[in-house]
Amino acid sequence: ADLVLSCFGTLSLHERRLTRVGRNRANVEAVRGVDSASVWQEIK
């Protein structure tokens, strides 16, 4: 359960960083398409 929660925390961190650096299409697609997608795969 802690591993799953840690993964969800990582997803939250990705989104907070996107907000900090700027949410434009290229940034969002890069982070979500690679980093967040791999975290979701780990959750699954």
PDB file of all heavy atoms in Angstrom:
ATOM      1  N   ALA A   1       0.839  -1.200   0.000  1.00  0.00           N
ATOM      2  CA  ALA A   1       0.000   0.000   0.000  1.00  0.00           C
ATOM      3  C   ALA A   1       0.875   1.252   0.000  1.00  0.00           C
ATOM      4  O   ALA A   1       0.564   2.234  -0.683  1.00  0.00           O
ATOM      5  CB  ALA A   1      -0.946  -0.006   1.194  1.00  0.00           C
ATOM      6  N   ASP A   2       1.979   1.197   0.745  1.00  0.00           N
ATOM      7  CA  ASP A   2       2.891   2.335   0.770  1.00  0.00           C
ATOM      8  C   ASP A   2       3.527   2.558  -0.600  1.00  0.00           C
ATOM      9  O   ASP A   2       3.720   3.701  -1.023  1.00  0.00           O
ATOM     10  CB  ASP A   2       3.975   2.128   1.833  1.00  0.00           C
ATOM     11  CG  ASP A   2       4.866   3.348   1.964  1.00  0.00           C
ATOM     12  OD1 ASP A   2       4.334   4.432   2.273  1.00  0.00           O
ATOM     13  OD2 ASP A   2       6.090   3.216   1.741  1.00  0.00           O
ATOM     14  N   LEU A   3       3.838   1.482  -1.313  1.00  0.00           N
ATOM     15  CA  LEU A   3       4.391   1.616  -2.662  1.00  0.00           C
ATOM     16  C   LEU A   3       3.392   2.289  -3.598  1.00  0.00           C
ATOM     17  O   LEU A   3       3.749   3.170  -4.381  1.00  0.00           O
ATOM     18  CB  LEU A   3       4.789   0.245  -3.216  1.00  0.00           C
ATOM     19  CG  LEU A   3       6.043  -0.391  -2.618  1.00  0.00           C
ATOM     20  CD1 LEU A   3       6.192  -1.825  -3.099  1.00  0.00           C
ATOM     21  CD2 LEU A   3       7.276   0.431  -2.965  1.00  0.00           C
ATOM     22  N   VAL A   4       2.127   1.870  -3.519  1.00  0.00           N
ATOM     23  CA  VAL A   4       1.088   2.475  -4.357  1.00  0.00           C
ATOM     24  C   VAL A   4       0.936   3.957  -4.003  1.00  0.00           C
ATOM     25  O   VAL A   4       0.880   4.820  -4.883  1.00  0.00           O
ATOM     26  CB  VAL A   4      -0.259   1.726  -4.213  1.00  0.00           C
ATOM     27  CG1 VAL A   4      -1.379   2.459  -4.939  1.00  0.00           C
ATOM     28  CG2 VAL A   4      -0.133   0.300  -4.726  1.00  0.00           C
ATOM     29  N   LEU A   5       0.881   4.269  -2.709  1.00  0.00           N
ATOM     30  CA  LEU A   5       0.748   5.658  -2.277  1.00  0.00           C
ATOM     31  C   LEU A   5       1.946   6.492  -2.721  1.00  0.00           C
ATOM     32  O   LEU A   5       1.802   7.657  -3.103  1.00  0.00           O
ATOM     33  CB  LEU A   5       0.573   5.730  -0.761  1.00  0.00           C
ATOM     34  CG  LEU A   5      -0.756   5.203  -0.231  1.00  0.00           C
ATOM     35  CD1 LEU A   5      -0.734   5.141   1.289  1.00  0.00           C
ATOM     36  CD2 LEU A   5      -1.909   6.057  -0.728  1.00  0.00           C
ATOM     37  N   SER A   6       3.113   5.895  -2.682  1.00  0.00           N
ATOM     38  CA  SER A   6       4.315   6.588  -3.140  1.00  0.00           C
ATOM     39  C   SER A   6       4.211   6.923  -4.629  1.00  0.00           C
ATOM     40  O   SER A   6       4.602   8.008  -5.061  1.00  0.00           O
ATOM     41  CB  SER A   6       5.539   5.721  -2.869  1.00  0.00           C
ATOM     42  OG  SER A   6       6.695   6.334  -3.362  1.00  0.00           O
ATOM     43  N   CYS A   7       3.668   6.000  -5.395  1.00  0.00           N
ATOM     44  CA  CYS A   7       3.475   6.251  -6.830  1.00  0.00           C
ATOM     45  C   CYS A   7       2.496   7.403  -7.054  1.00  0.00           C
ATOM     46  O   CYS A   7       2.738   8.285  -7.886  1.00  0.00           O
ATOM     47  CB  CYS A   7       2.970   4.988  -7.526  1.00  0.00           C
ATOM     48  SG  CYS A   7       4.203   3.694  -7.700  1.00  0.00           S
ATOM     49  N   PHE A   8       1.406   7.401  -6.314  1.00  0.00           N
ATOM     50  CA  PHE A   8       0.451   8.502  -6.442  1.00  0.00           C
ATOM     51  C   PHE A   8       1.095   9.827  -6.021  1.00  0.00           C
ATOM     52  O   PHE A   8       0.839  10.868  -6.613  1.00  0.00           O
ATOM     53  CB  PHE A   8      -0.821   8.233  -5.631  1.00  0.00           C
ATOM     54  CG  PHE A   8      -1.791   7.324  -6.336  1.00  0.00           C
ATOM     55  CD1 PHE A   8      -2.057   6.062  -5.840  1.00  0.00           C
ATOM     56  CD2 PHE A   8      -2.449   7.726  -7.483  1.00  0.00           C
ATOM     57  CE1 PHE A   8      -2.946   5.213  -6.475  1.00  0.00           C
ATOM     58  CE2 PHE A   8      -3.343   6.889  -8.137  1.00  0.00           C
ATOM     59  CZ  PHE A   8      -3.596   5.624  -7.628  1.00  0.00           C
ATOM     60  N   GLY A   9       1.959   9.774  -5.016  1.00  0.00           N
ATOM     61  CA  GLY A   9       2.694  10.971  -4.613  1.00  0.00           C
ATOM     62  C   GLY A   9       3.603  11.473  -5.729  1.00  0.00           C
ATOM     63  O   GLY A   9       3.737  12.681  -5.938  1.00  0.00           O
ATOM     64  N   THR A  10       4.219  10.552  -6.443  1.00  0.00           N
ATOM     65  CA  THR A  10       5.076  10.918  -7.572  1.00  0.00           C
ATOM     66  C   THR A  10       4.261  11.577  -8.674  1.00  0.00           C
ATOM     67  O   THR A  10       4.702  12.569  -9.270  1.00  0.00           O
ATOM     68  CB  THR A  10       5.818   9.673  -8.110  1.00  0.00           C
ATOM     69  OG1 THR A  10       6.585   9.110  -7.051  1.00  0.00           O
ATOM     70  CG2 THR A  10       6.715  10.017  -9.276  1.00  0.00           C
ATOM     71  N   LEU A  11       3.057  11.049  -8.941  1.00  0.00           N
ATOM     72  CA  LEU A  11       2.193  11.676  -9.943  1.00  0.00           C
ATOM     73  C   LEU A  11       1.847  13.107  -9.533  1.00  0.00           C
ATOM     74  O   LEU A  11       1.858  14.034 -10.363  1.00  0.00           O
ATOM     75  CB  LEU A  11       0.909  10.856 -10.128  1.00  0.00           C
ATOM     76  CG  LEU A  11       1.065   9.484 -10.773  1.00  0.00           C
ATOM     77  CD1 LEU A  11      -0.246   8.710 -10.690  1.00  0.00           C
ATOM     78  CD2 LEU A  11       1.540   9.620 -12.209  1.00  0.00           C
ATOM     79  N   SER A  12       1.562  13.297  -8.271  1.00  0.00           N
ATOM     80  CA  SER A  12       1.261  14.632  -7.762  1.00  0.00           C
ATOM     81  C   SER A  12       2.462  15.556  -7.917  1.00  0.00           C
ATOM     82  O   SER A  12       2.326  16.719  -8.311  1.00  0.00           O
ATOM     83  CB  SER A  12       0.844  14.536  -6.294  1.00  0.00           C
ATOM     84  OG  SER A  12       0.611  15.805  -5.756  1.00  0.00           O
ATOM     85  N   LEU A  13       3.639  15.033  -7.634  1.00  0.00           N
ATOM     86  CA  LEU A  13       4.871  15.809  -7.787  1.00  0.00           C
ATOM     87  C   LEU A  13       5.069  16.228  -9.242  1.00  0.00           C
ATOM     88  O   LEU A  13       5.440  17.371  -9.522  1.00  0.00           O
ATOM     89  CB  LEU A  13       6.067  14.986  -7.295  1.00  0.00           C
ATOM     90  CG  LEU A  13       7.433  15.645  -7.380  1.00  0.00           C
ATOM     91  CD1 LEU A  13       7.493  16.858  -6.464  1.00  0.00           C
ATOM     92  CD2 LEU A  13       8.511  14.641  -6.999  1.00  0.00           C
ATOM     93  N   HIS A  14       4.811  15.328 -10.168  1.00  0.00           N
ATOM     94  CA  HIS A  14       4.922  15.667 -11.599  1.00  0.00           C
ATOM     95  C   HIS A  14       4.023  16.847 -11.941  1.00  0.00           C
ATOM     96  O   HIS A  14       4.446  17.783 -12.632  1.00  0.00           O
ATOM     97  CB  HIS A  14       4.531  14.475 -12.474  1.00  0.00           C
ATOM     98  CG  HIS A  14       5.500  13.351 -12.446  1.00  0.00           C
ATOM     99  ND1 HIS A  14       5.216  12.137 -13.023  1.00  0.00           N
ATOM    100  CD2 HIS A  14       6.740  13.219 -11.917  1.00  0.00           C
ATOM    101  CE1 HIS A  14       6.243  11.315 -12.858  1.00  0.00           C
ATOM    102  NE2 HIS A  14       7.181  11.954 -12.182  1.00  0.00           N
ATOM    103  N   GLU A  15       2.793  16.801 -11.466  1.00  0.00           N
ATOM    104  CA  GLU A  15       1.840  17.872 -11.792  1.00  0.00           C
ATOM    105  C   GLU A  15       2.223  19.193 -11.123  1.00  0.00           C
ATOM    106  O   GLU A  15       2.082  20.260 -11.712  1.00  0.00           O
ATOM    107  CB  GLU A  15       0.420  17.452 -11.406  1.00  0.00           C
ATOM    108  CG  GLU A  15      -0.118  16.292 -12.222  1.00  0.00           C
ATOM    109  CD  GLU A  15      -0.259  16.592 -13.702  1.00  0.00           C
ATOM    110  OE1 GLU A  15      -0.626  17.730 -14.078  1.00  0.00           O
ATOM    111  OE2 GLU A  15       0.005  15.675 -14.513  1.00  0.00           O
ATOM    112  N   ARG A  16       2.719  19.128  -9.891  1.00  0.00           N
ATOM    113  CA  ARG A  16       3.161  20.361  -9.218  1.00  0.00           C
ATOM    114  C   ARG A  16       4.349  20.979  -9.940  1.00  0.00           C
ATOM    115  O   ARG A  16       4.439  22.202 -10.080  1.00  0.00           O
ATOM    116  CB  ARG A  16       3.502  20.081  -7.756  1.00  0.00           C
ATOM    117  CG  ARG A  16       2.271  19.853  -6.892  1.00  0.00           C
ATOM    118  CD  ARG A  16       2.571  19.942  -5.399  1.00  0.00           C
ATOM    119  NE  ARG A  16       3.736  19.200  -4.978  1.00  0.00           N
ATOM    120  CZ  ARG A  16       3.722  17.984  -4.443  1.00  0.00           C
ATOM    121  NH1 ARG A  16       2.574  17.369  -4.237  1.00  0.00           N
ATOM    122  NH2 ARG A  16       4.841  17.374  -4.093  1.00  0.00           N
ATOM    123  N   ARG A  17       5.258  20.148 -10.407  1.00  0.00           N
ATOM    124  CA  ARG A  17       6.412  20.657 -11.154  1.00  0.00           C
ATOM    125  C   ARG A  17       5.976  21.277 -12.481  1.00  0.00           C
ATOM    126  O   ARG A  17       6.527  22.286 -12.904  1.00  0.00           O
ATOM    127  CB  ARG A  17       7.427  19.547 -11.385  1.00  0.00           C
ATOM    128  CG  ARG A  17       8.215  19.215 -10.142  1.00  0.00           C
ATOM    129  CD  ARG A  17       9.292  18.206 -10.426  1.00  0.00           C
ATOM    130  NE  ARG A  17      10.048  17.925  -9.225  1.00  0.00           N
ATOM    131  CZ  ARG A  17      10.778  16.848  -9.055  1.00  0.00           C
ATOM    132  NH1 ARG A  17      10.844  15.939 -10.023  1.00  0.00           N
ATOM    133  NH2 ARG A  17      11.445  16.653  -7.942  1.00  0.00           N
ATOM    134  N   LEU A  18       5.002  20.656 -13.138  1.00  0.00           N
ATOM    135  CA  LEU A  18       4.475  21.242 -14.370  1.00  0.00           C
ATOM    136  C   LEU A  18       3.901  22.625 -14.106  1.00  0.00           C
ATOM    137  O   LEU A  18       4.098  23.552 -14.893  1.00  0.00           O
ATOM    138  CB  LEU A  18       3.382  20.338 -14.963  1.00  0.00           C
ATOM    139  CG  LEU A  18       3.846  19.206 -15.854  1.00  0.00           C
ATOM    140  CD1 LEU A  18       2.675  18.284 -16.185  1.00  0.00           C
ATOM    141  CD2 LEU A  18       4.491  19.739 -17.114  1.00  0.00           C
ATOM    142  N   THR A  19       3.198  22.763 -12.999  1.00  0.00           N
ATOM    143  CA  THR A  19       2.630  24.062 -12.647  1.00  0.00           C
ATOM    144  C   THR A  19       3.749  25.074 -12.420  1.00  0.00           C
ATOM    145  O   THR A  19       3.656  26.230 -12.839  1.00  0.00           O
ATOM    146  CB  THR A  19       1.743  23.932 -11.396  1.00  0.00           C
ATOM    147  OG1 THR A  19       0.686  23.016 -11.692  1.00  0.00           O
ATOM    148  CG2 THR A  19       1.151  25.263 -10.990  1.00  0.00           C
ATOM    149  N   ARG A  20       4.801  24.637 -11.768  1.00  0.00           N
ATOM    150  CA  ARG A  20       5.907  25.547 -11.447  1.00  0.00           C
ATOM    151  C   ARG A  20       6.670  25.974 -12.707  1.00  0.00           C
ATOM    152  O   ARG A  20       7.004  27.139 -12.857  1.00  0.00           O
ATOM    153  CB  ARG A  20       6.862  24.882 -10.459  1.00  0.00           C
ATOM    154  CG  ARG A  20       7.847  25.865  -9.878  1.00  0.00           C
ATOM    155  CD  ARG A  20       8.692  25.317  -8.748  1.00  0.00           C
ATOM    156  NE  ARG A  20       8.375  23.959  -8.379  1.00  0.00           N
ATOM    157  CZ  ARG A  20       9.273  23.025  -8.111  1.00  0.00           C
ATOM    158  NH1 ARG A  20      10.541  23.304  -8.136  1.00  0.00           N
ATOM    159  NH2 ARG A  20       8.907  21.815  -7.779  1.00  0.00           N
ATOM    160  N   VAL A  21       6.971  25.044 -13.612  1.00  0.00           N
ATOM    161  CA  VAL A  21       7.769  25.391 -14.794  1.00  0.00           C
ATOM    162  C   VAL A  21       6.922  25.954 -15.930  1.00  0.00           C
ATOM    163  O   VAL A  21       7.449  26.570 -16.845  1.00  0.00           O
ATOM    164  CB  VAL A  21       8.601  24.191 -15.318  1.00  0.00           C
ATOM    165  CG1 VAL A  21       9.568  23.716 -14.276  1.00  0.00           C
ATOM    166  CG2 VAL A  21       7.722  23.085 -15.823  1.00  0.00           C
ATOM    167  N   GLY A  22       5.635  25.728 -15.879  1.00  0.00           N
ATOM    168  CA  GLY A  22       4.751  26.261 -16.915  1.00  0.00           C
ATOM    169  C   GLY A  22       4.034  25.148 -17.655  1.00  0.00           C
ATOM    170  O   GLY A  22       4.662  24.225 -18.165  1.00  0.00           O
ATOM    171  N   ARG A  23       2.733  25.279 -17.682  1.00  0.00           N
ATOM    172  CA  ARG A  23       1.911  24.269 -18.353  1.00  0.00           C
ATOM    173  C   ARG A  23       1.667  24.686 -19.797  1.00  0.00           C
ATOM    174  O   ARG A  23       0.737  25.406 -20.085  1.00  0.00           O
ATOM    175  CB  ARG A  23       0.571  24.115 -17.635  1.00  0.00           C
ATOM    176  CG  ARG A  23       0.674  23.360 -16.349  1.00  0.00           C
ATOM    177  CD  ARG A  23      -0.722  23.084 -15.792  1.00  0.00           C
ATOM    178  NE  ARG A  23      -0.595  22.357 -14.570  1.00  0.00           N
ATOM    179  CZ  ARG A  23      -0.530  21.020 -14.506  1.00  0.00           C
ATOM    180  NH1 ARG A  23      -0.656  20.299 -15.589  1.00  0.00           N
ATOM    181  NH2 ARG A  23      -0.383  20.422 -13.351  1.00  0.00           N
ATOM    182  N   ASN A  24       2.516  24.231 -20.657  1.00  0.00           N
ATOM    183  CA  ASN A  24       2.231  24.383 -22.079  1.00  0.00           C
ATOM    184  C   ASN A  24       2.118  22.979 -22.665  1.00  0.00           C
ATOM    185  O   ASN A  24       2.489  21.997 -22.017  1.00  0.00           O
ATOM    186  CB  ASN A  24       3.293  25.233 -22.782  1.00  0.00           C
ATOM    187  CG  ASN A  24       4.670  24.631 -22.668  1.00  0.00           C
ATOM    188  OD1 ASN A  24       4.867  23.454 -22.966  1.00  0.00           O
ATOM    189  ND2 ASN A  24       5.635  25.428 -22.216  1.00  0.00           N
ATOM    190  N   ARG A  25       1.605  22.900 -23.851  1.00  0.00           N
ATOM    191  CA  ARG A  25       1.331  21.594 -24.458  1.00  0.00           C
ATOM    192  C   ARG A  25       2.578  20.694 -24.483  1.00  0.00           C
ATOM    193  O   ARG A  25       2.516  19.521 -24.131  1.00  0.00           O
ATOM    194  CB  ARG A  25       0.757  21.776 -25.861  1.00  0.00           C
ATOM    195  CG  ARG A  25       0.303  20.490 -26.489  1.00  0.00           C
ATOM    196  CD  ARG A  25      -0.402  20.742 -27.826  1.00  0.00           C
ATOM    197  NE  ARG A  25      -1.199  19.608 -28.166  1.00  0.00           N
ATOM    198  CZ  ARG A  25      -2.452  19.387 -27.803  1.00  0.00           C
ATOM    199  NH1 ARG A  25      -3.065  20.273 -27.068  1.00  0.00           N
ATOM    200  NH2 ARG A  25      -3.094  18.295 -28.151  1.00  0.00           N
ATOM    201  N   ALA A  26       3.706  21.247 -24.871  1.00  0.00           N
ATOM    202  CA  ALA A  26       4.934  20.449 -24.993  1.00  0.00           C
ATOM    203  C   ALA A  26       5.374  19.911 -23.633  1.00  0.00           C
ATOM    204  O   ALA A  26       5.725  18.726 -23.513  1.00  0.00           O
ATOM    205  CB  ALA A  26       6.047  21.285 -25.623  1.00  0.00           C
ATOM    206  N   ASN A  27       5.366  20.758 -22.607  1.00  0.00           N
ATOM    207  CA  ASN A  27       5.772  20.313 -21.268  1.00  0.00           C
ATOM    208  C   ASN A  27       4.853  19.221 -20.739  1.00  0.00           C
ATOM    209  O   ASN A  27       5.301  18.207 -20.215  1.00  0.00           O
ATOM    210  CB  ASN A  27       5.777  21.483 -20.279  1.00  0.00           C
ATOM    211  CG  ASN A  27       6.940  22.412 -20.469  1.00  0.00           C
ATOM    212  OD1 ASN A  27       7.857  22.125 -21.226  1.00  0.00           O
ATOM    213  ND2 ASN A  27       6.905  23.539 -19.786  1.00  0.00           N
ATOM    214  N   VAL A  28       3.546  19.467 -20.860  1.00  0.00           N
ATOM    215  CA  VAL A  28       2.573  18.515 -20.324  1.00  0.00           C
ATOM    216  C   VAL A  28       2.683  17.171 -21.045  1.00  0.00           C
ATOM    217  O   VAL A  28       2.707  16.116 -20.407  1.00  0.00           O
ATOM    218  CB  VAL A  28       1.140  19.088 -20.411  1.00  0.00           C
ATOM    219  CG1 VAL A  28       0.108  18.039 -20.030  1.00  0.00           C
ATOM    220  CG2 VAL A  28       1.005  20.318 -19.518  1.00  0.00           C
ATOM    221  N   GLU A  29       2.754  17.200 -22.359  1.00  0.00           N
ATOM    222  CA  GLU A  29       2.858  15.946 -23.111  1.00  0.00           C
ATOM    223  C   GLU A  29       4.153  15.204 -22.781  1.00  0.00           C
ATOM    224  O   GLU A  29       4.163  13.977 -22.674  1.00  0.00           O
ATOM    225  CB  GLU A  29       2.764  16.215 -24.617  1.00  0.00           C
ATOM    226  CG  GLU A  29       1.358  16.547 -25.056  1.00  0.00           C
ATOM    227  CD  GLU A  29       1.265  16.896 -26.539  1.00  0.00           C
ATOM    228  OE1 GLU A  29       2.300  17.161 -27.183  1.00  0.00           O
ATOM    229  OE2 GLU A  29       0.118  16.921 -27.045  1.00  0.00           O
ATOM    230  N   ALA A  30       5.251  15.939 -22.600  1.00  0.00           N
ATOM    231  CA  ALA A  30       6.527  15.292 -22.291  1.00  0.00           C
ATOM    232  C   ALA A  30       6.486  14.611 -20.925  1.00  0.00           C
ATOM    233  O   ALA A  30       6.876  13.445 -20.792  1.00  0.00           O
ATOM    234  CB  ALA A  30       7.654  16.323 -22.335  1.00  0.00           C
ATOM    235  N   VAL A  31       6.001  15.314 -19.925  1.00  0.00           N
ATOM    236  CA  VAL A  31       5.977  14.752 -18.568  1.00  0.00           C
ATOM    237  C   VAL A  31       4.952  13.632 -18.453  1.00  0.00           C
ATOM    238  O   VAL A  31       5.246  12.549 -17.950  1.00  0.00           O
ATOM    239  CB  VAL A  31       5.705  15.863 -17.527  1.00  0.00           C
ATOM    240  CG1 VAL A  31       5.449  15.260 -16.158  1.00  0.00           C
ATOM    241  CG2 VAL A  31       6.871  16.833 -17.472  1.00  0.00           C
ATOM    242  N   ARG A  32       3.749  13.900 -18.918  1.00  0.00           N
ATOM    243  CA  ARG A  32       2.706  12.882 -18.789  1.00  0.00           C
ATOM    244  C   ARG A  32       2.958  11.685 -19.684  1.00  0.00           C
ATOM    245  O   ARG A  32       2.705  10.543 -19.292  1.00  0.00           O
ATOM    246  CB  ARG A  32       1.339  13.486 -19.103  1.00  0.00           C
ATOM    247  CG  ARG A  32       0.840  14.428 -18.032  1.00  0.00           C
ATOM    248  CD  ARG A  32      -0.522  14.961 -18.386  1.00  0.00           C
ATOM    249  NE  ARG A  32      -1.057  15.828 -17.348  1.00  0.00           N
ATOM    250  CZ  ARG A  32      -2.204  16.489 -17.463  1.00  0.00           C
ATOM    251  NH1 ARG A  32      -2.921  16.362 -18.566  1.00  0.00           N
ATOM    252  NH2 ARG A  32      -2.626  17.252 -16.489  1.00  0.00           N
ATOM    253  N   GLY A  33       3.432  11.929 -20.887  1.00  0.00           N
ATOM    254  CA  GLY A  33       3.617  10.845 -21.849  1.00  0.00           C
ATOM    255  C   GLY A  33       4.728   9.878 -21.485  1.00  0.00           C
ATOM    256  O   GLY A  33       4.695   8.716 -21.883  1.00  0.00           O
ATOM    257  N   VAL A  34       5.695  10.339 -20.721  1.00  0.00           N
ATOM    258  CA  VAL A  34       6.820   9.471 -20.372  1.00  0.00           C
ATOM    259  C   VAL A  34       6.821   9.181 -18.871  1.00  0.00           C
ATOM    260  O   VAL A  34       6.613   8.047 -18.447  1.00  0.00           O
ATOM    261  CB  VAL A  34       8.168  10.117 -20.791  1.00  0.00           C
ATOM    262  CG1 VAL A  34       9.327   9.243 -20.369  1.00  0.00           C
ATOM    263  CG2 VAL A  34       8.193  10.372 -22.290  1.00  0.00           C
ATOM    264  N   ASP A  35       7.045  10.210 -18.079  1.00  0.00           N
ATOM    265  CA  ASP A  35       7.221  10.019 -16.633  1.00  0.00           C
ATOM    266  C   ASP A  35       5.955   9.515 -15.949  1.00  0.00           C
ATOM    267  O   ASP A  35       5.976   8.497 -15.256  1.00  0.00           O
ATOM    268  CB  ASP A  35       7.687  11.324 -15.976  1.00  0.00           C
ATOM    269  CG  ASP A  35       9.008  11.812 -16.542  1.00  0.00           C
ATOM    270  OD1 ASP A  35       9.821  10.957 -16.942  1.00  0.00           O
ATOM    271  OD2 ASP A  35       9.227  13.030 -16.588  1.00  0.00           O
ATOM    272  N   SER A  36       4.857  10.233 -16.134  1.00  0.00           N
ATOM    273  CA  SER A  36       3.616   9.838 -15.456  1.00  0.00           C
ATOM    274  C   SER A  36       3.079   8.515 -15.989  1.00  0.00           C
ATOM    275  O   SER A  36       2.556   7.704 -15.228  1.00  0.00           O
ATOM    276  CB  SER A  36       2.558  10.942 -15.589  1.00  0.00           C
ATOM    277  OG  SER A  36       2.981  12.111 -14.908  1.00  0.00           O
ATOM    278  N   ALA A  37       3.235   8.289 -17.291  1.00  0.00           N
ATOM    279  CA  ALA A  37       2.767   7.022 -17.869  1.00  0.00           C
ATOM    280  C   ALA A  37       3.509   5.832 -17.253  1.00  0.00           C
ATOM    281  O   ALA A  37       2.892   4.797 -16.962  1.00  0.00           O
ATOM    282  CB  ALA A  37       2.952   7.036 -19.385  1.00  0.00           C
ATOM    283  N   SER A  38       4.813   5.977 -17.017  1.00  0.00           N
ATOM    284  CA  SER A  38       5.559   4.861 -16.426  1.00  0.00           C
ATOM    285  C   SER A  38       5.148   4.647 -14.960  1.00  0.00           C
ATOM    286  O   SER A  38       5.101   3.507 -14.489  1.00  0.00           O
ATOM    287  CB  SER A  38       7.064   5.090 -16.541  1.00  0.00           C
ATOM    288  OG  SER A  38       7.475   6.174 -15.738  1.00  0.00           O
ATOM    289  N   VAL A  39       4.828   5.724 -14.260  1.00  0.00           N
ATOM    290  CA  VAL A  39       4.363   5.584 -12.864  1.00  0.00           C
ATOM    291  C   VAL A  39       3.011   4.880 -12.844  1.00  0.00           C
ATOM    292  O   VAL A  39       2.775   3.998 -12.007  1.00  0.00           O
ATOM    293  CB  VAL A  39       4.292   6.955 -12.159  1.00  0.00           C
ATOM    294  CG1 VAL A  39       3.669   6.821 -10.779  1.00  0.00           C
ATOM    295  CG2 VAL A  39       5.679   7.577 -12.057  1.00  0.00           C
ATOM    296  N   TRP A  40       2.119   5.251 -13.759  1.00  0.00           N
ATOM    297  CA  TRP A  40       0.824   4.572 -13.816  1.00  0.00           C
ATOM    298  C   TRP A  40       0.984   3.090 -14.148  1.00  0.00           C
ATOM    299  O   TRP A  40       0.246   2.254 -13.631  1.00  0.00           O
ATOM    300  CB  TRP A  40      -0.098   5.249 -14.839  1.00  0.00           C
ATOM    301  CG  TRP A  40      -0.954   6.300 -14.222  1.00  0.00           C
ATOM    302  CD1 TRP A  40      -0.839   7.652 -14.369  1.00  0.00           C
ATOM    303  CD2 TRP A  40      -2.064   6.099 -13.336  1.00  0.00           C
ATOM    304  NE1 TRP A  40      -1.799   8.283 -13.621  1.00  0.00           N
ATOM    305  CE2 TRP A  40      -2.566   7.360 -12.987  1.00  0.00           C
ATOM    306  CE3 TRP A  40      -2.668   4.964 -12.795  1.00  0.00           C
ATOM    307  CZ2 TRP A  40      -3.652   7.524 -12.135  1.00  0.00           C
ATOM    308  CZ3 TRP A  40      -3.750   5.118 -11.948  1.00  0.00           C
ATOM    309  CH2 TRP A  40      -4.232   6.395 -11.635  1.00  0.00           C
ATOM    310  N   GLN A  41       1.942   2.781 -15.002  1.00  0.00           N
ATOM    311  CA  GLN A  41       2.183   1.376 -15.328  1.00  0.00           C
ATOM    312  C   GLN A  41       2.632   0.624 -14.075  1.00  0.00           C
ATOM    313  O   GLN A  41       2.212  -0.504 -13.827  1.00  0.00           O
ATOM    314  CB  GLN A  41       3.226   1.258 -16.452  1.00  0.00           C
ATOM    315  CG  GLN A  41       3.279  -0.102 -17.061  1.00  0.00           C
ATOM    316  CD  GLN A  41       1.945  -0.551 -17.640  1.00  0.00           C
ATOM    317  OE1 GLN A  41       1.236   0.202 -18.307  1.00  0.00           O
ATOM    318  NE2 GLN A  41       1.573  -1.792 -17.378  1.00  0.00           N
ATOM    319  N   GLU A  42       3.457   1.268 -13.267  1.00  0.00           N
ATOM    320  CA  GLU A  42       3.905   0.662 -12.009  1.00  0.00           C
ATOM    321  C   GLU A  42       2.728   0.462 -11.056  1.00  0.00           C
ATOM    322  O   GLU A  42       2.620  -0.578 -10.391  1.00  0.00           O
ATOM    323  CB  GLU A  42       4.971   1.540 -11.357  1.00  0.00           C
ATOM    324  CG  GLU A  42       5.601   0.912 -10.140  1.00  0.00           C
ATOM    325  CD  GLU A  42       6.745   1.743  -9.560  1.00  0.00           C
ATOM    326  OE1 GLU A  42       7.233   2.664 -10.233  1.00  0.00           O
ATOM    327  OE2 GLU A  42       7.135   1.452  -8.414  1.00  0.00           O
ATOM    328  N   ILE A  43       1.818   1.452 -11.001  1.00  0.00           N
ATOM    329  CA  ILE A  43       0.623   1.323 -10.153  1.00  0.00           C
ATOM    330  C   ILE A  43      -0.204   0.119 -10.603  1.00  0.00           C
ATOM    331  O   ILE A  43      -0.662  -0.685  -9.787  1.00  0.00           O
ATOM    332  CB  ILE A  43      -0.227   2.613 -10.182  1.00  0.00           C
ATOM    333  CG1 ILE A  43       0.505   3.741  -9.456  1.00  0.00           C
ATOM    334  CG2 ILE A  43      -1.604   2.379  -9.564  1.00  0.00           C
ATOM    335  CD1 ILE A  43      -0.146   5.103  -9.612  1.00  0.00           C
ATOM    336  N   LYS A  44      -0.376  -0.016 -11.909  1.00  0.00           N
ATOM    337  CA  LYS A  44      -1.161  -1.139 -12.432  1.00  0.00           C
ATOM    338  C   LYS A  44      -0.505  -2.474 -12.088  1.00  0.00           C
ATOM    339  O   LYS A  44      -1.182  -3.425 -11.679  1.00  0.00           O
ATOM    340  CB  LYS A  44      -1.326  -1.012 -13.947  1.00  0.00           C
ATOM    341  CG  LYS A  44      -2.208  -2.088 -14.547  1.00  0.00           C
ATOM    342  CD  LYS A  44      -2.370  -1.899 -16.035  1.00  0.00           C
ATOM    343  CE  LYS A  44      -3.255  -2.976 -16.623  1.00  0.00           C
ATOM    344  NZ  LYS A  44      -3.292  -2.907 -18.090  1.00  0.00           N
TER     345      LYS A  44
END
